PDB file of N, CA and C in Angstrom:
ATOM      1  N   MET A   1     -41.758 -65.038 -27.530  1.00  0.00           N
ATOM      2  CA  MET A   1     -42.907 -64.863 -26.668  1.00  0.00           C
ATOM      3  C   MET A   1     -42.629 -65.477 -25.312  1.00  0.00           C
ATOM      4  N   SER A   2     -42.849 -64.751 -24.266  1.00  0.00           N
ATOM      5  CA  SER A   2     -42.645 -65.306 -22.936  1.00  0.00           C
ATOM      6  C   SER A   2     -43.993 -65.696 -22.345  1.00  0.00           C
ATOM      7  N   SER A   3     -43.958 -66.679 -21.500  1.00  0.00           N
ATOM      8  CA  SER A   3     -45.166 -67.094 -20.813  1.00  0.00           C
ATOM      9  C   SER A   3     -44.902 -66.990 -19.320  1.00  0.00           C
ATOM     10  N   GLU A   4     -45.768 -66.315 -18.627  1.00  0.00           N
ATOM     11  CA  GLU A   4     -45.592 -66.153 -17.191  1.00  0.00           C
ATOM     12  C   GLU A   4     -46.621 -67.002 -16.471  1.00  0.00           C
ATOM     13  N   ASN A   5     -46.244 -67.560 -15.337  1.00  0.00           N
ATOM     14  CA  ASN A   5     -47.158 -68.359 -14.521  1.00  0.00           C
ATOM     15  C   ASN A   5     -47.797 -67.492 -13.445  1.00  0.00           C
ATOM     16  N   TRP A   6     -49.084 -67.686 -13.260  1.00  0.00           N
ATOM     17  CA  TRP A   6     -49.851 -66.973 -12.244  1.00  0.00           C
ATOM     18  C   TRP A   6     -50.652 -68.007 -11.456  1.00  0.00           C
ATOM     19  N   THR A   7     -50.792 -67.804 -10.161  1.00  0.00           N
ATOM     20  CA  THR A   7     -51.684 -68.656  -9.378  1.00  0.00           C
ATOM     21  C   THR A   7     -53.108 -68.134  -9.609  1.00  0.00           C
ATOM     22  N   VAL A   8     -54.090 -68.947  -9.247  1.00  0.00           N
ATOM     23  CA  VAL A   8     -55.481 -68.514  -9.403  1.00  0.00           C
ATOM     24  C   VAL A   8     -55.739 -67.245  -8.595  1.00  0.00           C
ATOM     25  N   ALA A   9     -55.207 -67.176  -7.390  1.00  0.00           N
ATOM     26  CA  ALA A   9     -55.408 -65.980  -6.549  1.00  0.00           C
ATOM     27  C   ALA A   9     -54.809 -64.744  -7.205  1.00  0.00           C
ATOM     28  N   GLU A  10     -53.588 -64.873  -7.771  1.00  0.00           N
ATOM     29  CA  GLU A  10     -52.973 -63.744  -8.467  1.00  0.00           C
ATOM     30  C   GLU A  10     -53.791 -63.367  -9.701  1.00  0.00           C
ATOM     31  N   ALA A  11     -54.271 -64.363 -10.407  1.00  0.00           N
ATOM     32  CA  ALA A  11     -55.049 -64.106 -11.622  1.00  0.00           C
ATOM     33  C   ALA A  11     -56.332 -63.340 -11.305  1.00  0.00           C
ATOM     34  N   LYS A  12     -56.971 -63.696 -10.208  1.00  0.00           N
ATOM     35  CA  LYS A  12     -58.194 -62.978  -9.813  1.00  0.00           C
ATOM     36  C   LYS A  12     -57.886 -61.523  -9.496  1.00  0.00           C
ATOM     37  N   ALA A  13     -56.785 -61.309  -8.796  1.00  0.00           N
ATOM     38  CA  ALA A  13     -56.431 -59.955  -8.364  1.00  0.00           C
ATOM     39  C   ALA A  13     -55.902 -59.091  -9.502  1.00  0.00           C
ATOM     40  N   LYS A  14     -55.278 -59.715 -10.511  1.00  0.00           N
ATOM     41  CA  LYS A  14     -54.613 -58.945 -11.571  1.00  0.00           C
ATOM     42  C   LYS A  14     -55.113 -59.342 -12.960  1.00  0.00           C
ATOM     43  N   PHE A  15     -56.401 -59.597 -13.081  1.00  0.00           N
ATOM     44  CA  PHE A  15     -56.957 -60.086 -14.346  1.00  0.00           C
ATOM     45  C   PHE A  15     -56.698 -59.131 -15.513  1.00  0.00           C
ATOM     46  N   SER A  16     -56.874 -57.852 -15.303  1.00  0.00           N
ATOM     47  CA  SER A  16     -56.626 -56.873 -16.374  1.00  0.00           C
ATOM     48  C   SER A  16     -55.176 -56.912 -16.835  1.00  0.00           C
ATOM     49  N   GLU A  17     -54.251 -57.070 -15.897  1.00  0.00           N
ATOM     50  CA  GLU A  17     -52.839 -57.142 -16.249  1.00  0.00           C
ATOM     51  C   GLU A  17     -52.536 -58.410 -17.050  1.00  0.00           C
ATOM     52  N   ILE A  18     -53.181 -59.508 -16.675  1.00  0.00           N
ATOM     53  CA  ILE A  18     -52.976 -60.761 -17.409  1.00  0.00           C
ATOM     54  C   ILE A  18     -53.450 -60.616 -18.844  1.00  0.00           C
ATOM     55  N   ILE A  19     -54.599 -59.995 -19.035  1.00  0.00           N
ATOM     56  CA  ILE A  19     -55.108 -59.785 -20.393  1.00  0.00           C
ATOM     57  C   ILE A  19     -54.150 -58.905 -21.189  1.00  0.00           C
ATOM     58  N   GLU A  20     -53.693 -57.821 -20.593  1.00  0.00           N
ATOM     59  CA  GLU A  20     -52.762 -56.920 -21.275  1.00  0.00           C
ATOM     60  C   GLU A  20     -51.479 -57.651 -21.667  1.00  0.00           C
ATOM     61  N   ARG A  21     -50.937 -58.434 -20.748  1.00  0.00           N
ATOM     62  CA  ARG A  21     -49.707 -59.176 -21.057  1.00  0.00           C
ATOM     63  C   ARG A  21     -49.941 -60.260 -22.109  1.00  0.00           C
ATOM     64  N   ALA A  22     -51.097 -60.878 -22.082  1.00  0.00           N
ATOM     65  CA  ALA A  22     -51.409 -61.891 -23.097  1.00  0.00           C
ATOM     66  C   ALA A  22     -51.429 -61.260 -24.485  1.00  0.00           C
ATOM     67  N   MET A  23     -51.914 -60.034 -24.572  1.00  0.00           N
ATOM     68  CA  MET A  23     -51.977 -59.348 -25.865  1.00  0.00           C
ATOM     69  C   MET A  23     -50.613 -58.848 -26.308  1.00  0.00           C
ATOM     70  N   THR A  24     -49.755 -58.461 -25.372  1.00  0.00           N
ATOM     71  CA  THR A  24     -48.473 -57.862 -25.751  1.00  0.00           C
ATOM     72  C   THR A  24     -47.272 -58.804 -25.653  1.00  0.00           C
ATOM     73  N   GLU A  25     -47.283 -59.720 -24.670  1.00  0.00           N
ATOM     74  CA  GLU A  25     -46.122 -60.576 -24.423  1.00  0.00           C
ATOM     75  C   GLU A  25     -46.321 -62.035 -24.822  1.00  0.00           C
ATOM     76  N   GLY A  26     -47.568 -62.463 -24.909  1.00  0.00           N
ATOM     77  CA  GLY A  26     -47.833 -63.861 -25.256  1.00  0.00           C
ATOM     78  C   GLY A  26     -48.662 -64.559 -24.195  1.00  0.00           C
ATOM     79  N   PRO A  27     -48.833 -65.871 -24.349  1.00  0.00           N
ATOM     80  CA  PRO A  27     -49.699 -66.640 -23.445  1.00  0.00           C
ATOM     81  C   PRO A  27     -49.307 -66.498 -21.977  1.00  0.00           C
ATOM     82  N   GLN A  28     -50.319 -66.448 -21.122  1.00  0.00           N
ATOM     83  CA  GLN A  28     -50.139 -66.352 -19.676  1.00  0.00           C
ATOM     84  C   GLN A  28     -50.778 -67.589 -19.048  1.00  0.00           C
ATOM     85  N   THR A  29     -49.996 -68.330 -18.282  1.00  0.00           N
ATOM     86  CA  THR A  29     -50.446 -69.591 -17.697  1.00  0.00           C
ATOM     87  C   THR A  29     -50.969 -69.365 -16.281  1.00  0.00           C
ATOM     88  N   ILE A  30     -52.133 -69.942 -15.998  1.00  0.00           N
ATOM     89  CA  ILE A  30     -52.730 -69.865 -14.665  1.00  0.00           C
ATOM     90  C   ILE A  30     -52.673 -71.265 -14.060  1.00  0.00           C
ATOM     91  N   THR A  31     -52.120 -71.351 -12.848  1.00  0.00           N
ATOM     92  CA  THR A  31     -51.960 -72.650 -12.202  1.00  0.00           C
ATOM     93  C   THR A  31     -52.854 -72.766 -10.975  1.00  0.00           C
ATOM     94  N   ARG A  32     -53.234 -74.007 -10.700  1.00  0.00           N
ATOM     95  CA  ARG A  32     -54.001 -74.322  -9.493  1.00  0.00           C
ATOM     96  C   ARG A  32     -53.321 -75.509  -8.837  1.00  0.00           C
ATOM     97  N   LYS A  33     -52.919 -75.368  -7.622  1.00  0.00           N
ATOM     98  CA  LYS A  33     -52.211 -76.414  -6.878  1.00  0.00           C
ATOM     99  C   LYS A  33     -50.974 -76.886  -7.625  1.00  0.00           C
ATOM    100  N   GLY A  34     -50.292 -75.945  -8.279  1.00  0.00           N
ATOM    101  CA  GLY A  34     -49.046 -76.244  -8.966  1.00  0.00           C
ATOM    102  C   GLY A  34     -49.197 -76.840 -10.360  1.00  0.00           C
ATOM    103  N   LEU A  35     -50.424 -77.089 -10.793  1.00  0.00           N
ATOM    104  CA  LEU A  35     -50.671 -77.664 -12.115  1.00  0.00           C
ATOM    105  C   LEU A  35     -51.324 -76.637 -13.030  1.00  0.00           C
ATOM    106  N   THR A  36     -51.011 -76.683 -14.309  1.00  0.00           N
ATOM    107  CA  THR A  36     -51.602 -75.754 -15.263  1.00  0.00           C
ATOM    108  C   THR A  36     -53.111 -75.956 -15.309  1.00  0.00           C
ATOM    109  N   ALA A  37     -53.853 -74.888 -15.084  1.00  0.00           N
ATOM    110  CA  ALA A  37     -55.310 -74.944 -15.099  1.00  0.00           C
ATOM    111  C   ALA A  37     -55.881 -74.263 -16.336  1.00  0.00           C
ATOM    112  N   ALA A  38     -55.214 -73.202 -16.803  1.00  0.00           N
ATOM    113  CA  ALA A  38     -55.710 -72.450 -17.955  1.00  0.00           C
ATOM    114  C   ALA A  38     -54.572 -71.639 -18.550  1.00  0.00           C
ATOM    115  N   VAL A  39     -54.762 -71.263 -19.812  1.00  0.00           N
ATOM    116  CA  VAL A  39     -53.807 -70.394 -20.490  1.00  0.00           C
ATOM    117  C   VAL A  39     -54.604 -69.274 -21.136  1.00  0.00           C
ATOM    118  N   VAL A  40     -54.222 -68.039 -20.861  1.00  0.00           N
ATOM    119  CA  VAL A  40     -54.881 -66.871 -21.436  1.00  0.00           C
ATOM    120  C   VAL A  40     -54.032 -66.394 -22.615  1.00  0.00           C
ATOM    121  N   VAL A  41     -54.675 -66.287 -23.786  1.00  0.00           N
ATOM    122  CA  VAL A  41     -53.988 -65.783 -24.978  1.00  0.00           C
ATOM    123  C   VAL A  41     -54.771 -64.607 -25.535  1.00  0.00           C
ATOM    124  N   GLY A  42     -54.095 -63.749 -26.256  1.00  0.00           N
ATOM    125  CA  GLY A  42     -54.765 -62.626 -26.899  1.00  0.00           C
ATOM    126  C   GLY A  42     -55.681 -63.108 -28.017  1.00  0.00           C
ATOM    127  N   ALA A  43     -56.723 -62.354 -28.300  1.00  0.00           N
ATOM    128  CA  ALA A  43     -57.695 -62.735 -29.314  1.00  0.00           C
ATOM    129  C   ALA A  43     -57.059 -62.900 -30.693  1.00  0.00           C
ATOM    130  N   GLU A  44     -56.107 -62.044 -31.024  1.00  0.00           N
ATOM    131  CA  GLU A  44     -55.444 -62.125 -32.331  1.00  0.00           C
ATOM    132  C   GLU A  44     -54.711 -63.463 -32.485  1.00  0.00           C
ATOM    133  N   GLU A  45     -53.986 -63.860 -31.448  1.00  0.00           N
ATOM    134  CA  GLU A  45     -53.269 -65.133 -31.504  1.00  0.00           C
ATOM    135  C   GLU A  45     -54.244 -66.303 -31.568  1.00  0.00           C
ATOM    136  N   TRP A  46     -55.326 -66.249 -30.805  1.00  0.00           N
ATOM    137  CA  TRP A  46     -56.325 -67.315 -30.802  1.00  0.00           C
ATOM    138  C   TRP A  46     -56.931 -67.477 -32.199  1.00  0.00           C
ATOM    139  N   GLN A  47     -57.291 -66.390 -32.837  1.00  0.00           N
ATOM    140  CA  GLN A  47     -57.871 -66.455 -34.175  1.00  0.00           C
ATOM    141  C   GLN A  47     -56.871 -67.016 -35.173  1.00  0.00           C
ATOM    142  N   ARG A  48     -55.622 -66.636 -35.056  1.00  0.00           N
ATOM    143  CA  ARG A  48     -54.589 -67.134 -35.964  1.00  0.00           C
ATOM    144  C   ARG A  48     -54.391 -68.647 -35.792  1.00  0.00           C
ATOM    145  N   LYS A  49     -54.407 -69.120 -34.561  1.00  0.00           N
ATOM    146  CA  LYS A  49     -54.162 -70.540 -34.311  1.00  0.00           C
ATOM    147  C   LYS A  49     -55.368 -71.421 -34.593  1.00  0.00           C
ATOM    148  N   THR A  50     -56.566 -70.869 -34.558  1.00  0.00           N
ATOM    149  CA  THR A  50     -57.760 -71.690 -34.762  1.00  0.00           C
ATOM    150  C   THR A  50     -58.361 -71.536 -36.147  1.00  0.00           C
ATOM    151  N   LYS A  51     -57.750 -70.727 -36.988  1.00  0.00           N
ATOM    152  CA  LYS A  51     -58.278 -70.518 -38.334  1.00  0.00           C
ATOM    153  C   LYS A  51     -58.128 -71.798 -39.155  1.00  0.00           C
ATOM    154  N   ARG A  52     -59.184 -72.177 -39.831  1.00  0.00           N
ATOM    155  CA  ARG A  52     -59.156 -73.367 -40.682  1.00  0.00           C
ATOM    156  C   ARG A  52     -58.472 -73.049 -41.998  1.00  0.00           C
ATOM    157  N   ALA A  53     -57.725 -74.023 -42.477  1.00  0.00           N
ATOM    158  CA  ALA A  53     -57.009 -73.843 -43.738  1.00  0.00           C
ATOM    159  C   ALA A  53     -57.917 -74.068 -44.933  1.00  0.00           C
ATOM    160  N   GLY A  54     -59.008 -74.728 -44.782  1.00  0.00           N
ATOM    161  CA  GLY A  54     -59.939 -75.010 -45.862  1.00  0.00           C
ATOM    162  C   GLY A  54     -61.097 -75.821 -45.320  1.00  0.00           C
ATOM    163  N   ASN A  55     -61.896 -76.369 -46.224  1.00  0.00           N
ATOM    164  CA  ASN A  55     -63.004 -77.188 -45.770  1.00  0.00           C
ATOM    165  C   ASN A  55     -62.763 -78.649 -46.157  1.00  0.00           C
ATOM    166  N   LEU A  56     -63.646 -79.524 -45.754  1.00  0.00           N
ATOM    167  CA  LEU A  56     -63.470 -80.952 -45.981  1.00  0.00           C
ATOM    168  C   LEU A  56     -63.451 -81.301 -47.465  1.00  0.00           C
ATOM    169  N   ALA A  57     -64.283 -80.651 -48.255  1.00  0.00           N
ATOM    170  CA  ALA A  57     -64.312 -80.915 -49.704  1.00  0.00           C
ATOM    171  C   ALA A  57     -62.965 -80.553 -50.337  1.00  0.00           C
ATOM    172  N   GLU A  58     -62.366 -79.436 -49.928  1.00  0.00           N
ATOM    173  CA  GLU A  58     -61.056 -79.044 -50.460  1.00  0.00           C
ATOM    174  C   GLU A  58     -59.972 -80.036 -50.034  1.00  0.00           C
ATOM    175  N   PHE A  59     -60.074 -80.550 -48.807  1.00  0.00           N
ATOM    176  CA  PHE A  59     -59.118 -81.534 -48.323  1.00  0.00           C
ATOM    177  C   PHE A  59     -59.145 -82.788 -49.190  1.00  0.00           C
ATOM    178  N   PHE A  60     -60.351 -83.314 -49.455  1.00  0.00           N
ATOM    179  CA  PHE A  60     -60.450 -84.519 -50.277  1.00  0.00           C
ATOM    180  C   PHE A  60     -60.061 -84.247 -51.722  1.00  0.00           C
ATOM    181  N   ALA A  61     -60.378 -83.066 -52.235  1.00  0.00           N
ATOM    182  CA  ALA A  61     -60.019 -82.730 -53.615  1.00  0.00           C
ATOM    183  C   ALA A  61     -58.502 -82.666 -53.787  1.00  0.00           C
ATOM    184  N   ALA A  62     -57.781 -82.273 -52.743  1.00  0.00           N
ATOM    185  CA  ALA A  62     -56.329 -82.155 -52.829  1.00  0.00           C
ATOM    186  C   ALA A  62     -55.605 -83.453 -52.453  1.00  0.00           C
ATOM    187  N   SER A  63     -56.349 -84.500 -52.138  1.00  0.00           N
ATOM    188  CA  SER A  63     -55.746 -85.755 -51.701  1.00  0.00           C
ATOM    189  C   SER A  63     -54.866 -86.361 -52.788  1.00  0.00           C
ATOM    190  N   PRO A  64     -53.691 -86.863 -52.414  1.00  0.00           N
ATOM    191  CA  PRO A  64     -52.833 -87.524 -53.396  1.00  0.00           C
ATOM    192  C   PRO A  64     -53.431 -88.838 -53.890  1.00  0.00           C
ATOM    193  N   LEU A  65     -54.432 -89.358 -53.197  1.00  0.00           N
ATOM    194  CA  LEU A  65     -55.083 -90.604 -53.621  1.00  0.00           C
ATOM    195  C   LEU A  65     -56.196 -90.368 -54.633  1.00  0.00           C
ATOM    196  N   ARG A  66     -56.541 -89.121 -54.862  1.00  0.00           N
ATOM    197  CA  ARG A  66     -57.596 -88.820 -55.819  1.00  0.00           C
ATOM    198  C   ARG A  66     -57.153 -89.266 -57.209  1.00  0.00           C
ATOM    199  N   GLY A  67     -58.013 -90.023 -57.862  1.00  0.00           N
ATOM    200  CA  GLY A  67     -57.712 -90.508 -59.208  1.00  0.00           C
ATOM    201  C   GLY A  67     -56.805 -91.725 -59.213  1.00  0.00           C
ATOM    202  N   SER A  68     -56.499 -92.297 -58.051  1.00  0.00           N
ATOM    203  CA  SER A  68     -55.599 -93.446 -58.007  1.00  0.00           C
ATOM    204  C   SER A  68     -56.317 -94.763 -58.263  1.00  0.00           C
ATOM    205  N   LYS A  69     -57.612 -94.720 -58.425  1.00  0.00           N
ATOM    206  CA  LYS A  69     -58.428 -95.915 -58.662  1.00  0.00           C
ATOM    207  C   LYS A  69     -58.323 -96.902 -57.498  1.00  0.00           C
ATOM    208  N   LEU A  70     -58.076 -96.392 -56.313  1.00  0.00           N
ATOM    209  CA  LEU A  70     -57.997 -97.217 -55.121  1.00  0.00           C
ATOM    210  C   LEU A  70     -59.355 -97.838 -54.868  1.00  0.00           C
ATOM    211  N   LYS A  71     -59.379 -99.159 -54.684  1.00  0.00           N
ATOM    212  CA  LYS A  71     -60.653 -99.847 -54.468  1.00  0.00           C
ATOM    213  C   LYS A  71     -60.767-100.226 -53.001  1.00  0.00           C
ATOM    214  N   THR A  72     -61.940-100.043 -52.468  1.00  0.00           N
ATOM    215  CA  THR A  72     -62.202-100.415 -51.092  1.00  0.00           C
ATOM    216  C   THR A  72     -63.347-101.405 -51.063  1.00  0.00           C
ATOM    217  N   GLN A  73     -63.346-102.256 -50.059  1.00  0.00           N
ATOM    218  CA  GLN A  73     -64.422-103.219 -49.901  1.00  0.00           C
ATOM    219  C   GLN A  73     -64.982-103.114 -48.498  1.00  0.00           C
ATOM    220  N   ARG A  74     -66.275-103.313 -48.398  1.00  0.00           N
ATOM    221  CA  ARG A  74     -66.917-103.334 -47.099  1.00  0.00           C
ATOM    222  C   ARG A  74     -67.182-104.771 -46.724  1.00  0.00           C
ATOM    223  N   ARG A  75     -66.983-105.097 -45.467  1.00  0.00           N
ATOM    224  CA  ARG A  75     -67.293-106.442 -45.005  1.00  0.00           C
ATOM    225  C   ARG A  75     -68.790-106.627 -44.990  1.00  0.00           C
ATOM    226  N   LYS A  76     -69.227-107.732 -45.544  1.00  0.00           N
ATOM    227  CA  LYS A  76     -70.669-108.017 -45.543  1.00  0.00           C
ATOM    228  C   LYS A  76     -71.039-108.869 -44.339  1.00  0.00           C
ATOM    229  N   ALA A  77     -70.029-109.454 -43.694  1.00  0.00           N
ATOM    230  CA  ALA A  77     -70.285-110.282 -42.516  1.00  0.00           C
ATOM    231  C   ALA A  77     -70.660-109.386 -41.335  1.00  0.00           C
ATOM    232  N   ARG A  78     -71.319-110.008 -40.379  1.00  0.00           N
ATOM    233  CA  ARG A  78     -71.698-109.270 -39.181  1.00  0.00           C
ATOM    234  C   ARG A  78     -70.455-108.990 -38.351  1.00  0.00           C
ATOM    235  N   PRO A  79     -70.474-107.970 -37.529  1.00  0.00           N
ATOM    236  CA  PRO A  79     -69.333-107.678 -36.667  1.00  0.00           C
ATOM    237  C   PRO A  79     -69.036-108.863 -35.749  1.00  0.00           C
ATOM    238  N   ARG A  80     -67.778-109.027 -35.392  1.00  0.00           N
ATOM    239  CA  ARG A  80     -67.419-110.137 -34.505  1.00  0.00           C
ATOM    240  C   ARG A  80     -67.946-109.862 -33.106  1.00  0.00           C
ATOM    241  N   LYS A  81     -68.225-110.936 -32.381  1.00  0.00           N
ATOM    242  CA  LYS A  81     -68.721-110.807 -31.027  1.00  0.00           C
ATOM    243  C   LYS A  81     -67.545-110.722 -30.079  1.00  0.00           C
ATOM    244  N   ILE A  82     -67.671-109.862 -29.091  1.00  0.00           N
ATOM    245  CA  ILE A  82     -66.645-109.747 -28.063  1.00  0.00           C
ATOM    246  C   ILE A  82     -67.296-109.857 -26.703  1.00  0.00           C
ATOM    247  N   ASN A  83     -66.567-110.394 -25.756  1.00  0.00           N
ATOM    248  CA  ASN A  83     -67.062-110.506 -24.389  1.00  0.00           C
ATOM    249  C   ASN A  83     -66.542-109.337 -23.569  1.00  0.00           C
ATOM    250  N   LEU A  84     -67.445-108.657 -22.919  1.00  0.00           N
ATOM    251  CA  LEU A  84     -67.041-107.527 -22.077  1.00  0.00           C
ATOM    252  C   LEU A  84     -67.029-107.919 -20.624  1.00  0.00           C
TER     253      LEU A  84
END
């Protein structure tokens, strides 16, 4: 996948082309004053990268610590004072 850099002015003028390239070639980087300001990616890639592998209950159920009889204690003392 190639990533091409575009200035904000170029991105405004060629927005449709940026979207097309993001869908076919990969992420397209938009820069402002020489620094990365945004990255345009195709919807398919975005969905693939942001898809959750499971939920929190499944994460804890699969934990290697499950059934280990690990004991935890909570401090009953008040929190320590700090000077700000």
